[in-house]
Amino acid sequence: MRMLMGCLHQYFPKAMALTDVTIKQVFDKLNSSPRKCLKFKTLYEVFRELTGVDVKKLMGYTLIDLNL
């Protein structure tokens, strides 16, 4: 959880009012970040390669990897 909060603060500084930030914006930021463990691909890219589905076109999606 601490690692996840660190990632959130990277994109949304503590001084920023989070009342204007939607959960979709948070998911988009976290899921579109390249990961070393994924050979610097994003979660979106890996999901698309494995399933053939472009998850960004789906409604109500989440791909957050809690093993950041």
C-alpha atoms as a PDB file:
ATOM      1  CA  MET A   1       0.000   0.000   0.000  1.00  0.00           C
ATOM      2  CA  ARG A   2       2.856   2.375   0.807  1.00  0.00           C
ATOM      3  CA  MET A   3       4.316   1.784  -2.658  1.00  0.00           C
ATOM      4  CA  LEU A   4       0.948   2.547  -4.255  1.00  0.00           C
ATOM      5  CA  MET A   5       0.640   5.802  -2.318  1.00  0.00           C
ATOM      6  CA  GLY A   6       4.150   6.775  -3.454  1.00  0.00           C
ATOM      7  CA  CYS A   7       3.114   6.252  -7.055  1.00  0.00           C
ATOM      8  CA  LEU A   8      -0.006   8.321  -6.549  1.00  0.00           C
ATOM      9  CA  HIS A   9       2.025  11.174  -5.068  1.00  0.00           C
ATOM     10  CA  GLN A  10       4.306  11.041  -8.103  1.00  0.00           C
ATOM     11  CA  TYR A  11       1.372  11.991 -10.333  1.00  0.00           C
ATOM     12  CA  PHE A  12      -0.780  13.868  -7.852  1.00  0.00           C
ATOM     13  CA  PRO A  13       1.317  15.919  -5.381  1.00  0.00           C
ATOM     14  CA  LYS A  14       0.172  16.134  -1.753  1.00  0.00           C
ATOM     15  CA  ALA A  15      -0.654  19.832  -2.169  1.00  0.00           C
ATOM     16  CA  MET A  16      -3.043  19.069  -5.035  1.00  0.00           C
ATOM     17  CA  ALA A  17      -6.741  18.991  -4.213  1.00  0.00           C
ATOM     18  CA  LEU A  18      -7.817  15.470  -5.121  1.00  0.00           C
ATOM     19  CA  THR A  19     -11.458  16.486  -5.259  1.00  0.00           C
ATOM     20  CA  ASP A  20     -10.988  17.291  -8.962  1.00  0.00           C
ATOM     21  CA  VAL A  21      -9.311  13.946  -9.749  1.00  0.00           C
ATOM     22  CA  THR A  22     -11.462  11.048 -10.919  1.00  0.00           C
ATOM     23  CA  ILE A  23     -10.720   7.411 -10.173  1.00  0.00           C
ATOM     24  CA  LYS A  24     -10.404   6.862 -13.941  1.00  0.00           C
ATOM     25  CA  GLN A  25      -7.574   9.412 -14.064  1.00  0.00           C
ATOM     26  CA  VAL A  26      -5.785   7.566 -11.258  1.00  0.00           C
ATOM     27  CA  PHE A  27      -6.169   4.194 -13.003  1.00  0.00           C
ATOM     28  CA  ASP A  28      -5.017   5.656 -16.318  1.00  0.00           C
ATOM     29  CA  LYS A  29      -1.877   7.126 -14.744  1.00  0.00           C
ATOM     30  CA  LEU A  30      -0.958   3.927 -12.914  1.00  0.00           C
ATOM     31  CA  ASN A  31      -1.804   1.542 -15.759  1.00  0.00           C
ATOM     32  CA  SER A  32      -0.018   3.570 -18.434  1.00  0.00           C
ATOM     33  CA  SER A  33       3.291   3.667 -16.555  1.00  0.00           C
ATOM     34  CA  PRO A  34       6.012   1.376 -17.947  1.00  0.00           C
ATOM     35  CA  ARG A  35       7.129  -1.341 -15.509  1.00  0.00           C
ATOM     36  CA  LYS A  36      10.579  -2.858 -15.314  1.00  0.00           C
ATOM     37  CA  CYS A  37       9.057  -6.251 -14.419  1.00  0.00           C
ATOM     38  CA  LEU A  38       7.098  -6.096 -17.701  1.00  0.00           C
ATOM     39  CA  LYS A  39      10.202  -5.259 -19.758  1.00  0.00           C
ATOM     40  CA  PHE A  40       9.178  -1.587 -19.668  1.00  0.00           C
ATOM     41  CA  LYS A  41       5.740  -2.190 -21.121  1.00  0.00           C
ATOM     42  CA  THR A  42       2.591  -0.799 -19.565  1.00  0.00           C
ATOM     43  CA  LEU A  43      -0.173  -2.923 -18.035  1.00  0.00           C
ATOM     44  CA  TYR A  44      -2.390  -1.832 -20.925  1.00  0.00           C
ATOM     45  CA  GLU A  45       0.132  -3.109 -23.505  1.00  0.00           C
ATOM     46  CA  VAL A  46       0.634  -6.470 -21.802  1.00  0.00           C
ATOM     47  CA  PHE A  47      -3.109  -7.002 -21.375  1.00  0.00           C
ATOM     48  CA  ARG A  48      -3.692  -6.209 -25.068  1.00  0.00           C
ATOM     49  CA  GLU A  49      -0.920  -8.630 -26.123  1.00  0.00           C
ATOM     50  CA  LEU A  50      -2.283 -11.458 -23.973  1.00  0.00           C
ATOM     51  CA  THR A  51      -6.001 -11.023 -24.674  1.00  0.00           C
ATOM     52  CA  GLY A  52      -6.271  -9.031 -27.889  1.00  0.00           C
ATOM     53  CA  VAL A  53      -8.638  -6.654 -26.077  1.00  0.00           C
ATOM     54  CA  ASP A  54      -7.997  -2.916 -25.915  1.00  0.00           C
ATOM     55  CA  VAL A  55      -9.014  -2.371 -22.302  1.00  0.00           C
ATOM     56  CA  LYS A  56      -9.141   1.415 -22.729  1.00  0.00           C
ATOM     57  CA  LYS A  57     -12.257   0.933 -24.863  1.00  0.00           C
ATOM     58  CA  LEU A  58     -14.060  -1.022 -22.143  1.00  0.00           C
ATOM     59  CA  MET A  59     -16.282   0.585 -19.545  1.00  0.00           C
ATOM     60  CA  GLY A  60     -15.481   0.191 -15.856  1.00  0.00           C
ATOM     61  CA  TYR A  61     -12.024  -1.317 -16.147  1.00  0.00           C
ATOM     62  CA  THR A  62      -9.187  -1.636 -13.641  1.00  0.00           C
ATOM     63  CA  LEU A  63      -5.802  -3.240 -14.153  1.00  0.00           C
ATOM     64  CA  ILE A  64      -3.960  -1.937 -11.136  1.00  0.00           C
ATOM     65  CA  ASP A  65      -1.013  -4.110 -10.216  1.00  0.00           C
ATOM     66  CA  LEU A  66      -0.644  -4.046  -6.433  1.00  0.00           C
ATOM     67  CA  ASN A  67       2.863  -5.510  -6.721  1.00  0.00           C
ATOM     68  CA  LEU A  68       4.371  -2.193  -7.754  1.00  0.00           C
END
